[in-house]
């Protein structure tokens, strides 16, 4: 299935996931993403299908912002935000 790990930093939490083998969409019925601090942003990192990323972005919509890590950029691209300090399209260098 999917293995999750979290690490908290100043203004955000990093949620990293790893797949423990091939997965199919039916796993969305059974996965249980970890709780995160809703007063911080969330950076999602991991190699997986786009539908898993979409699920996680929706699942964590209550966080201050959501970004996805892009190793080619060396940072995380903000894709959703509830505060003006972090705007979609901004990159948080990691």
Protein backbone atom coordinates (compact mmCIF):
# COMPACT_ATOMS: atom_id res chain seq x y z
CA UNK A 1 0.00 0.00 0.00
CA UNK A 2 1.22 3.50 0.88
CA UNK A 3 3.68 4.31 3.67
CA UNK A 4 3.54 7.89 5.04
CA UNK A 5 6.10 9.88 7.02
CA UNK A 6 5.85 13.46 8.30
CA UNK A 7 8.36 16.05 9.47
CA UNK A 8 7.45 19.48 10.89
CA UNK A 9 9.37 22.65 10.12
CA UNK A 10 8.72 26.34 10.82
CA UNK A 11 5.80 27.22 8.55
CA UNK A 12 5.09 23.85 7.00
CA UNK A 13 4.96 20.10 7.41
CA UNK A 14 6.45 17.74 4.85
CA UNK A 15 4.37 14.67 4.13
CA UNK A 16 6.44 12.09 2.28
CA UNK A 17 4.92 8.91 0.93
CA UNK A 18 6.35 5.75 -0.58
CA UNK A 19 4.52 3.03 -2.44
CA UNK A 20 5.15 -0.50 -1.24
CA UNK A 21 4.52 -1.90 -4.71
CA UNK A 22 2.03 -1.30 -7.51
CA UNK A 23 -1.25 0.29 -6.43
CA UNK A 24 -4.68 0.76 -7.96
CA UNK A 25 -7.37 3.39 -7.31
CA UNK A 26 -9.35 1.10 -4.99
CA UNK A 27 -6.73 1.71 -2.27
CA UNK A 28 -8.20 5.18 -1.76
CA UNK A 29 -11.04 3.50 0.14
CA UNK A 30 -8.58 2.08 2.67
CA UNK A 31 -5.62 4.43 3.06
CA UNK A 32 -5.42 6.54 6.20
CA UNK A 33 -3.17 9.58 5.73
CA UNK A 34 -1.64 10.90 8.98
CA UNK A 35 -2.96 13.89 10.88
CA UNK A 36 -1.05 17.14 10.33
CA UNK A 37 -1.01 20.56 11.99
CA UNK A 38 -3.68 22.60 10.20
CA UNK A 39 -2.06 25.90 11.24
CA UNK A 40 0.90 25.16 8.96
CA UNK A 41 1.28 24.59 5.26
CA UNK A 42 1.79 21.12 3.84
CA UNK A 43 4.35 19.96 1.30
CA UNK A 44 3.56 16.62 -0.34
CA UNK A 45 6.48 14.57 -1.60
CA UNK A 46 6.71 11.13 -3.14
CA UNK A 47 6.52 9.19 -6.38
CA UNK A 48 3.01 8.13 -7.19
CA UNK A 49 0.11 8.46 -9.60
CA UNK A 50 -1.55 11.83 -10.15
CA UNK A 51 -4.83 10.53 -8.71
CA UNK A 52 -3.08 9.85 -5.40
CA UNK A 53 -1.73 13.41 -5.35
CA UNK A 54 -5.22 14.75 -6.13
CA UNK A 55 -6.67 12.69 -3.29
CA UNK A 56 -4.07 14.00 -0.84
CA UNK A 57 -4.52 17.64 -1.90
CA UNK A 58 -8.26 17.33 -1.32
CA UNK A 59 -7.80 15.38 1.93
CA UNK A 60 -5.58 18.14 3.37
CA UNK A 61 -7.48 21.14 1.95
CA UNK A 62 -7.87 22.53 5.49
CA UNK A 63 -4.15 23.33 5.85
CA UNK A 64 -2.82 26.88 5.40
CA UNK A 65 -1.36 25.96 2.01
CA UNK A 66 -0.47 22.88 0.00
CA UNK A 67 2.60 22.48 -2.17
CA UNK A 68 4.03 19.56 -4.12
CA UNK A 69 7.73 18.84 -4.18
CA UNK A 70 9.43 18.97 -7.58
CA UNK A 71 13.00 17.63 -7.45
CA UNK A 72 13.82 19.31 -10.78
CA UNK A 73 13.21 22.68 -9.12
CA UNK A 74 14.74 21.74 -5.77
CA UNK A 75 11.62 23.02 -4.07
CA UNK A 76 7.88 22.73 -3.62
CA UNK A 77 5.33 24.49 -5.84
CA UNK A 78 2.35 25.95 -4.01
CA UNK A 79 -0.86 24.67 -5.60
CA UNK A 80 -3.43 25.87 -3.05
CA UNK A 81 -3.35 28.60 -0.41
CA UNK A 82 -5.65 30.27 2.11
CA UNK A 83 -3.28 33.14 2.94
CA UNK A 84 -1.72 35.87 0.77
CA UNK A 85 1.84 35.16 1.97
CA UNK A 86 1.90 31.93 -0.04
CA UNK A 87 0.47 32.18 -3.56
CA UNK A 88 -0.11 29.37 -6.07
CA UNK A 89 2.88 29.18 -8.37
CA UNK A 90 5.37 30.30 -5.71
CA UNK A 91 8.23 27.89 -5.06
CA UNK A 92 9.49 27.11 -1.57
CA UNK A 93 13.14 26.16 -1.93
CA UNK A 94 14.07 23.14 0.17
